[in-house]
Amino acid sequence: MEDLFSLHKLEYGSKPEVVTAAPGVVNLLGEHTVAEDGYVLQAALNRSVRIAMSKRRDNSLKFYSSNLNERKRTTIPNLKYKREDRWGNYPKGVLSQLGQLGHSFRGVNISIQSDIPPAIGLGSSAALGIATAIALKHLYKLDIPESQIIQSAFLGETKFMEIDTQVCDHIVSAVAKKGYLIFLDLRSLQYDFIPLHMGEYRFLITNSHVPLSSINTELAERKLSCRRCVEELGQKKAGSSLRDFSSKDLKNGLGIIPEGLRRICTHVVEENERTLEGKQALLSGDLVTFGKLMNRSHESLRDNFEVSCPELDWMVKRAQDIDGIIGSRLSGPGFGGCTISIIHEGAMPAYRERLDEYERIFGFKAETFFCEPSAGVQVIYP
């Protein structure tokens, strides 16, 4: 925080009046179930986006990214999406949504700093939105309920920027508790805190550094496949989403549902079942079973939903072969990004050797960090 505090003062000539921090998010189970009213198990990262904010005397909005050493600017009356503003559209979208909700504020200076690896499915954009909303709330002493904090950050992406994203990351970044995972029902948006007892094991995130190409078309096709499958299954059993159907229902649809559609929908249906089973395993303190569910989740993401890639498959397989790693899978949208593993600290030397081999084979240098389930958004100054 001291670094951001100094950078803000250097950039704008005055110290920040409020500094907030919102964590990134990692998905443990429930990948690609959101659009079908599914379930997810997630954790807030011990990495965050930090926002320093101070008032201005006019209606100007100035944004400074210390990571990129870039600046953007606009005014409150001119809060519009501009492609060239790139990262600046995220805080702009939040401010726009809060204004539309009836909250009044004047100009602000904003500095942004983050240690969340961007664009690999770890909720960096959700954290940026949540941290921005909380900072504005405290700076102007606005009466903004938690639901509107989440709504403004979510709609800042989906409405202001027209990005197809999931609200679960915003919820977790806002409400998480240290030492707990969050089990979220995407139909009701109700959530439970799941106590985590890891013993000598830890969650390890590995950034594959595989460049992410545009995956929007691929994911849109899979969502369309799920919708078509629901229509077919709905002829025999009432249901508005794949959440309402079981593996048995899919088997009963053999011959009716094309094989390609059936495999995609099998992932979603069985991933929901795995997530429910995973919740019970954690409540029972059965980390081994939870790890096996993570392994099965990756197999399904690879073979049924088809969003993995050779690099992630190689990394997950080598992790699963190491004594002391009891579960590993891709996390995030897929086609690159990161993996999440449950690892005994004694297994780290063997895993590092595999990552050296990964770099020699694929040419990408993987990076790792431990994930400690952390608290949601916080005001860290004053």
Protein backbone atom coordinates (compact mmCIF):
# COMPACT_ATOMS: atom_id res chain seq x y z
CA MET A 1 0.00 0.00 0.00
CA GLU A 2 2.87 2.38 0.78
CA ASP A 3 4.06 2.15 -2.83
CA LEU A 4 0.60 2.96 -4.22
CA PHE A 5 0.19 5.78 -1.68
CA SER A 6 3.42 7.40 -2.87
CA LEU A 7 2.66 6.85 -6.55
CA HIS A 8 -0.76 8.50 -6.19
CA LYS A 9 0.76 11.51 -4.45
CA LEU A 10 3.45 11.77 -7.13
CA GLU A 11 0.90 11.46 -9.94
CA TYR A 12 -1.73 13.90 -8.65
CA GLY A 13 0.14 16.14 -6.21
CA SER A 14 -1.92 15.11 -3.19
CA LYS A 15 -2.21 11.98 -1.09
CA PRO A 16 -5.13 9.56 -1.56
CA GLU A 17 -8.08 9.93 0.77
CA VAL A 18 -9.04 6.27 0.60
CA VAL A 19 -7.29 3.06 -0.46
CA THR A 20 -9.16 -0.20 -1.04
CA ALA A 21 -8.12 -3.74 -1.97
CA ALA A 22 -10.28 -6.43 -3.60
CA PRO A 23 -9.04 -10.00 -4.13
CA GLY A 24 -8.89 -12.01 -7.30
CA VAL A 25 -10.84 -15.26 -7.49
CA VAL A 26 -9.96 -18.84 -8.42
CA ASN A 27 -12.50 -21.45 -9.46
CA LEU A 28 -11.99 -24.85 -7.81
CA LEU A 29 -15.03 -26.68 -9.18
CA GLY A 30 -18.00 -25.66 -11.29
CA GLU A 31 -16.24 -24.61 -14.48
CA HIS A 32 -18.59 -23.50 -17.28
CA THR A 33 -21.79 -24.16 -15.33
CA VAL A 34 -22.72 -20.52 -14.74
CA ALA A 35 -24.81 -19.96 -17.87
CA GLU A 36 -26.89 -23.01 -16.95
CA ASP A 37 -27.79 -21.89 -13.41
CA GLY A 38 -25.19 -24.21 -11.93
CA TYR A 39 -23.01 -24.35 -8.85
CA VAL A 40 -19.44 -23.16 -8.26
CA LEU A 41 -16.85 -23.56 -5.52
CA GLN A 42 -14.45 -20.61 -5.45
CA ALA A 43 -11.83 -18.97 -3.28
CA ALA A 44 -10.68 -15.38 -2.96
CA LEU A 45 -6.97 -15.07 -3.70
CA ASN A 46 -4.31 -13.62 -1.45
CA ARG A 47 -3.60 -11.28 -4.37
CA SER A 48 -5.58 -8.13 -5.05
CA VAL A 49 -6.32 -5.03 -7.07
CA ARG A 50 -5.68 -1.91 -4.99
CA ILE A 51 -7.37 1.42 -5.67
CA ALA A 52 -6.20 4.78 -4.32
CA MET A 53 -8.75 7.56 -4.75
CA SER A 54 -9.01 11.25 -3.96
CA LYS A 55 -11.56 13.98 -4.68
CA ARG A 56 -11.25 16.64 -7.35
CA ARG A 57 -12.89 20.06 -7.38
CA ASP A 58 -14.28 19.57 -10.88
CA ASN A 59 -16.06 16.77 -12.77
CA SER A 60 -12.92 15.30 -14.31
CA LEU A 61 -12.09 11.61 -13.88
CA LYS A 62 -8.42 10.68 -14.10
CA PHE A 63 -7.08 7.13 -14.02
CA TYR A 64 -3.50 5.98 -13.57
CA SER A 65 -2.31 2.36 -13.85
CA SER A 66 0.97 1.93 -12.01
CA ASN A 67 1.48 -1.53 -13.51
CA LEU A 68 1.27 -0.22 -17.07
CA ASN A 69 2.41 3.34 -16.35
CA GLU A 70 -0.52 4.54 -18.43
CA ARG A 71 -3.09 7.27 -17.94
CA LYS A 72 -6.70 7.74 -19.06
CA ARG A 73 -9.11 10.60 -18.50
CA THR A 74 -12.71 11.63 -19.07
CA THR A 75 -15.47 13.59 -17.31
CA ILE A 76 -18.62 12.54 -15.47
CA PRO A 77 -20.94 13.88 -18.24
CA ASN A 78 -18.85 12.00 -20.83
CA LEU A 79 -18.77 8.57 -19.18
CA LYS A 80 -18.89 6.43 -22.31
CA TYR A 81 -17.19 3.27 -23.43
CA LYS A 82 -14.19 3.96 -25.65
CA ARG A 83 -12.26 1.06 -27.11
CA GLU A 84 -9.00 2.98 -26.98
CA ASP A 85 -9.36 3.41 -23.20
CA ARG A 86 -8.91 -0.37 -22.75
CA TRP A 87 -8.33 -0.99 -19.00
CA GLY A 88 -9.75 2.44 -18.16
CA ASN A 89 -13.21 1.26 -19.21
CA TYR A 90 -13.47 -0.99 -16.15
CA PRO A 91 -13.50 1.78 -13.51
CA LYS A 92 -15.44 4.01 -15.92
CA GLY A 93 -18.13 1.35 -16.20
CA VAL A 94 -18.48 1.10 -12.42
CA LEU A 95 -18.77 4.88 -12.01
CA SER A 96 -21.33 5.00 -14.83
CA GLN A 97 -23.48 2.30 -13.21
CA LEU A 98 -23.33 3.93 -9.78
CA GLY A 99 -24.42 7.21 -11.34
CA GLN A 100 -27.35 5.48 -13.05
CA LEU A 101 -28.34 4.01 -9.68
CA GLY A 102 -28.78 7.57 -8.42
CA HIS A 103 -25.56 8.08 -6.46
CA SER A 104 -24.08 11.59 -6.79
CA PHE A 105 -20.36 12.31 -6.83
CA ARG A 106 -17.90 14.72 -8.39
CA GLY A 107 -14.55 14.17 -10.04
CA VAL A 108 -11.92 11.79 -8.70
CA ASN A 109 -8.29 10.88 -9.17
CA ILE A 110 -7.76 7.12 -9.26
CA SER A 111 -4.55 5.09 -9.09
CA ILE A 112 -4.62 1.35 -9.76
CA GLN A 113 -2.13 -1.31 -8.74
CA SER A 114 -2.48 -5.10 -9.01
CA ASP A 115 -0.50 -8.28 -8.36
CA ILE A 116 -3.16 -10.55 -9.93
CA PRO A 117 -1.97 -12.02 -13.24
CA PRO A 118 -4.41 -10.55 -15.79
CA ALA A 119 -6.47 -12.31 -18.45
CA ILE A 120 -6.01 -15.89 -17.18
CA GLY A 121 -9.32 -16.40 -15.37
CA LEU A 122 -8.37 -15.16 -11.89
CA GLY A 123 -11.00 -12.43 -11.60
CA SER A 124 -8.72 -9.42 -11.95
CA SER A 125 -11.41 -7.35 -13.70
CA ALA A 126 -14.04 -8.23 -11.07
CA ALA A 127 -11.59 -7.21 -8.34
CA LEU A 128 -10.93 -3.90 -10.12
CA GLY A 129 -14.66 -3.17 -10.28
CA ILE A 130 -15.37 -4.08 -6.67
CA ALA A 131 -12.40 -2.10 -5.35
CA THR A 132 -13.47 0.95 -7.38
CA ALA A 133 -17.06 0.84 -6.11
CA ILE A 134 -16.01 0.51 -2.46
CA ALA A 135 -13.49 3.33 -2.79
CA LEU A 136 -16.10 5.72 -4.22
CA LYS A 137 -18.59 4.70 -1.53
CA HIS A 138 -16.18 5.60 1.26
CA LEU A 139 -14.73 8.68 -0.43
CA TYR A 140 -18.14 10.34 -0.84
CA LYS A 141 -19.82 8.56 2.09
CA LEU A 142 -22.48 7.14 -0.21
CA ASP A 143 -25.22 4.83 1.02
CA ILE A 144 -24.52 1.92 -1.33
CA PRO A 145 -25.66 -1.53 -0.17
CA GLU A 146 -23.50 -4.57 -0.87
CA SER A 147 -25.89 -5.73 -3.58
CA GLN A 148 -25.35 -2.50 -5.53
CA ILE A 149 -21.58 -2.73 -5.12
CA ILE A 150 -21.71 -6.13 -6.81
CA GLN A 151 -24.28 -4.98 -9.38
CA SER A 152 -22.29 -1.91 -10.42
CA ALA A 153 -19.10 -3.92 -10.92
CA PHE A 154 -20.91 -6.67 -12.83
CA LEU A 155 -22.93 -4.34 -15.07
CA GLY A 156 -19.85 -2.20 -15.61
CA GLU A 157 -18.50 -5.14 -17.58
CA THR A 158 -21.61 -6.71 -19.08
CA LYS A 159 -23.62 -3.57 -19.89
CA PHE A 160 -21.11 -0.72 -20.17
CA MET A 161 -18.41 -2.79 -21.90
CA GLU A 162 -20.64 -5.56 -23.34
CA ILE A 163 -18.36 -8.30 -22.02
CA ASP A 164 -19.86 -11.72 -21.40
CA THR A 165 -18.68 -12.48 -17.87
CA GLN A 166 -19.97 -14.21 -14.72
CA VAL A 167 -21.26 -12.52 -11.57
CA CYS A 168 -19.83 -15.18 -9.25
CA ASP A 169 -16.37 -13.59 -9.39
CA HIS A 170 -17.80 -10.23 -8.30
CA ILE A 171 -19.74 -11.83 -5.44
CA VAL A 172 -16.71 -13.71 -4.12
CA SER A 173 -14.42 -10.69 -4.41
CA ALA A 174 -16.94 -8.70 -2.37
CA VAL A 175 -18.02 -11.13 0.37
CA ALA A 176 -15.26 -13.73 0.86
CA LYS A 177 -13.99 -14.65 4.34
CA LYS A 178 -10.42 -15.59 5.19
CA GLY A 179 -9.93 -19.33 5.50
CA TYR A 180 -13.22 -20.19 3.75
CA LEU A 181 -14.26 -21.23 0.28
CA ILE A 182 -17.57 -20.05 -1.17
CA PHE A 183 -20.17 -22.42 -2.56
CA LEU A 184 -22.46 -20.39 -4.83
CA ASP A 185 -25.83 -21.34 -6.31
CA LEU A 186 -26.05 -19.40 -9.58
CA ARG A 187 -29.82 -19.72 -9.81
CA SER A 188 -30.66 -18.15 -6.47
CA LEU A 189 -27.31 -16.34 -5.99
CA GLN A 190 -27.31 -17.71 -2.45
CA TYR A 191 -23.94 -18.74 -1.08
CA ASP A 192 -22.45 -20.75 1.77
CA PHE A 193 -19.06 -20.35 3.42
CA ILE A 194 -17.19 -23.64 3.48
CA PRO A 195 -14.45 -23.94 6.13
CA LEU A 196 -11.16 -25.14 4.68
CA HIS A 197 -8.88 -27.56 6.51
CA MET A 198 -5.83 -28.26 4.36
CA GLY A 199 -3.42 -29.73 6.91
CA GLU A 200 0.00 -29.93 5.22
CA TYR A 201 -1.50 -29.35 1.77
CA ARG A 202 -1.92 -26.05 -0.06
CA PHE A 203 -3.55 -24.76 -3.21
CA LEU A 204 -1.00 -23.93 -5.90
CA ILE A 205 -1.79 -21.85 -8.97
CA THR A 206 0.41 -22.27 -12.05
CA ASN A 207 0.30 -19.70 -14.83
CA SER A 208 1.05 -21.57 -18.06
CA HIS A 209 1.76 -18.32 -19.94
CA VAL A 210 0.05 -19.81 -22.98
CA PRO A 211 -1.19 -16.77 -24.94
CA LEU A 212 -4.98 -16.60 -24.90
CA SER A 213 -6.49 -16.14 -28.34
CA SER A 214 -10.04 -14.88 -28.74
CA ILE A 215 -12.28 -17.59 -27.26
CA ASN A 216 -15.59 -15.75 -27.30
CA THR A 217 -16.83 -17.51 -30.43
CA GLU A 218 -15.89 -20.95 -29.09
CA LEU A 219 -17.63 -20.36 -25.76
CA ALA A 220 -20.69 -18.85 -27.44
CA GLU A 221 -21.05 -22.01 -29.53
CA ARG A 222 -20.93 -24.17 -26.41
CA LYS A 223 -23.60 -22.06 -24.73
CA LEU A 224 -25.78 -22.42 -27.82
CA SER A 225 -25.24 -26.19 -27.71
CA CYS A 226 -26.43 -26.23 -24.10
CA ARG A 227 -29.57 -24.29 -25.05
CA ARG A 228 -30.34 -26.73 -27.86
CA CYS A 229 -29.84 -29.64 -25.49
CA VAL A 230 -32.26 -28.13 -22.96
CA GLU A 231 -34.86 -27.78 -25.71
CA GLU A 232 -34.47 -31.45 -26.66
CA LEU A 233 -34.52 -32.71 -23.06
CA GLY A 234 -37.46 -30.44 -22.30
CA GLN A 235 -39.65 -32.55 -24.56
CA LYS A 236 -39.56 -35.33 -21.98
CA LYS A 237 -39.01 -33.45 -18.71
CA ALA A 238 -39.67 -29.89 -17.63
CA GLY A 239 -36.60 -27.74 -17.14
CA SER A 240 -35.33 -24.27 -17.97
CA SER A 241 -31.59 -25.03 -17.87
CA LEU A 242 -29.19 -27.98 -17.64
CA ARG A 243 -29.31 -27.46 -13.87
CA ASP A 244 -32.70 -29.22 -14.00
CA PHE A 245 -31.40 -32.40 -15.65
CA SER A 246 -29.31 -35.33 -14.47
CA SER A 247 -26.79 -37.67 -16.08
CA LYS A 248 -29.61 -40.20 -16.34
CA ASP A 249 -31.70 -37.71 -18.33
CA LEU A 250 -28.84 -37.30 -20.78
CA LYS A 251 -28.51 -41.06 -21.19
CA ASN A 252 -32.24 -41.27 -21.86
CA GLY A 253 -31.70 -38.74 -24.63
CA LEU A 254 -29.33 -41.00 -26.57
CA GLY A 255 -30.36 -41.08 -30.22
CA ILE A 256 -32.24 -37.79 -29.87
CA ILE A 257 -29.38 -35.46 -28.94
CA PRO A 258 -26.42 -35.34 -31.37
CA GLU A 259 -23.24 -36.78 -29.88
CA GLY A 260 -21.35 -33.47 -29.99
CA LEU A 261 -24.09 -31.70 -28.05
CA ARG A 262 -24.40 -34.56 -25.60
CA ARG A 263 -20.70 -34.44 -24.67
CA ILE A 264 -20.79 -30.68 -24.07
CA CYS A 265 -23.90 -30.97 -21.92
CA THR A 266 -22.51 -34.00 -20.11
CA HIS A 267 -19.71 -31.79 -18.80
CA VAL A 268 -22.12 -29.19 -17.43
CA VAL A 269 -24.48 -31.70 -15.82
CA GLU A 270 -21.70 -33.81 -14.29
CA GLU A 271 -19.72 -30.74 -13.22
CA ASN A 272 -22.74 -29.63 -11.21
CA GLU A 273 -22.84 -33.07 -9.61
CA ARG A 274 -19.09 -32.92 -8.89
CA THR A 275 -19.43 -29.50 -7.29
CA LEU A 276 -22.19 -30.69 -4.95
CA GLU A 277 -20.11 -33.74 -4.09
CA GLY A 278 -17.06 -31.55 -3.58
CA LYS A 279 -18.93 -29.35 -1.11
CA GLN A 280 -19.81 -32.41 0.98
CA ALA A 281 -16.25 -33.73 0.79
CA LEU A 282 -14.88 -30.46 2.16
CA LEU A 283 -17.48 -30.33 4.93
CA SER A 284 -16.37 -33.86 5.87
CA GLY A 285 -12.70 -32.87 5.77
CA ASP A 286 -12.07 -35.32 2.92
CA LEU A 287 -9.46 -33.48 0.87
CA VAL A 288 -8.44 -36.62 -1.05
CA THR A 289 -11.94 -37.05 -2.49
CA PHE A 290 -12.01 -33.36 -3.37
CA GLY A 291 -8.73 -33.77 -5.24
CA LYS A 292 -10.12 -36.71 -7.21
CA LEU A 293 -13.10 -34.58 -8.19
CA MET A 294 -10.73 -31.90 -9.48
CA ASN A 295 -8.98 -34.54 -11.61
CA ARG A 296 -12.29 -35.71 -13.05
CA SER A 297 -13.28 -32.11 -13.73
CA HIS A 298 -10.18 -31.60 -15.86
CA GLU A 299 -10.82 -34.82 -17.79
CA SER A 300 -14.30 -33.56 -18.62
CA LEU A 301 -13.10 -30.08 -19.58
CA ARG A 302 -10.60 -31.76 -21.89
CA ASP A 303 -12.70 -34.54 -23.41
CA ASN A 304 -16.31 -33.30 -23.20
CA PHE A 305 -16.31 -29.51 -23.12
CA GLU A 306 -13.06 -29.36 -25.12
CA VAL A 307 -11.61 -26.14 -23.69
CA SER A 308 -8.20 -27.41 -22.64
CA CYS A 309 -4.99 -27.28 -24.68
CA PRO A 310 -1.88 -29.49 -24.99
CA GLU A 311 0.14 -27.34 -22.59
CA LEU A 312 -2.46 -27.47 -19.80
CA ASP A 313 -3.09 -31.17 -20.35
CA TRP A 314 0.64 -31.88 -20.08
CA MET A 315 0.95 -29.77 -16.94
CA VAL A 316 -2.06 -31.36 -15.23
CA LYS A 317 -0.98 -34.91 -16.13
CA ARG A 318 2.54 -34.41 -14.76
CA ALA A 319 1.13 -32.88 -11.59
CA GLN A 320 -1.25 -35.79 -11.07
CA ASP A 321 1.66 -38.24 -11.43
CA ILE A 322 3.62 -36.69 -8.54
CA ASP A 323 3.30 -38.16 -5.05
CA GLY A 324 2.02 -35.38 -2.83
CA ILE A 325 -0.26 -33.78 -5.42
CA ILE A 326 -3.79 -35.08 -4.88
CA GLY A 327 -5.67 -33.02 -7.46
CA SER A 328 -5.04 -30.75 -10.44
CA ARG A 329 -7.14 -29.13 -13.14
CA LEU A 330 -7.33 -26.13 -15.41
CA SER A 331 -9.10 -23.15 -13.88
CA GLY A 332 -10.79 -20.39 -15.83
CA PRO A 333 -12.23 -20.33 -19.35
CA GLY A 334 -9.57 -22.62 -20.81
CA PHE A 335 -7.55 -22.60 -24.06
CA GLY A 336 -4.60 -21.50 -21.91
CA GLY A 337 -4.43 -19.66 -18.62
CA CYS A 338 -3.71 -21.44 -15.37
CA THR A 339 -4.05 -24.64 -13.38
CA ILE A 340 -4.97 -25.13 -9.73
CA SER A 341 -3.48 -28.04 -7.77
CA ILE A 342 -3.63 -29.41 -4.23
CA ILE A 343 -0.01 -30.02 -3.28
CA HIS A 344 1.97 -31.11 -0.24
CA GLU A 345 4.84 -28.69 0.27
CA GLY A 346 7.27 -31.64 0.13
CA ALA A 347 6.24 -32.21 -3.50
CA MET A 348 7.32 -28.77 -4.69
CA PRO A 349 10.87 -29.76 -5.79
CA ALA A 350 9.49 -32.54 -8.03
CA TYR A 351 6.86 -30.17 -9.43
CA ARG A 352 9.46 -27.51 -10.20
CA GLU A 353 11.43 -30.11 -12.16
CA ARG A 354 8.33 -30.82 -14.25
CA LEU A 355 7.91 -27.10 -14.93
CA ASP A 356 11.51 -26.87 -16.12
CA GLU A 357 10.69 -29.72 -18.50
CA TYR A 358 7.49 -27.89 -19.54
CA GLU A 359 9.55 -24.85 -20.55
CA ARG A 360 11.96 -26.97 -22.60
CA ILE A 361 9.11 -28.70 -24.44
CA PHE A 362 6.64 -25.85 -25.00
CA GLY A 363 8.79 -22.74 -24.75
CA PHE A 364 6.70 -21.03 -22.06
CA LYS A 365 8.08 -20.31 -18.59
CA ALA A 366 5.40 -21.21 -16.05
CA GLU A 367 5.01 -19.24 -12.83
CA THR A 368 3.53 -20.49 -9.57
CA PHE A 369 2.13 -19.03 -6.37
CA PHE A 370 0.27 -20.47 -3.41
CA CYS A 371 -3.38 -19.54 -2.94
CA GLU A 372 -4.49 -18.81 0.61
CA PRO A 373 -8.29 -18.28 0.73
CA SER A 374 -8.57 -14.67 1.78
CA ALA A 375 -11.05 -12.00 2.82
CA GLY A 376 -13.15 -9.99 0.39
CA VAL A 377 -12.82 -6.30 -0.41
CA GLN A 378 -11.40 -4.11 2.34
CA VAL A 379 -10.70 -0.44 3.03
CA ILE A 380 -7.02 -0.38 3.96
CA TYR A 381 -6.69 3.41 4.33
CA PRO A 382 -7.67 5.36 6.33
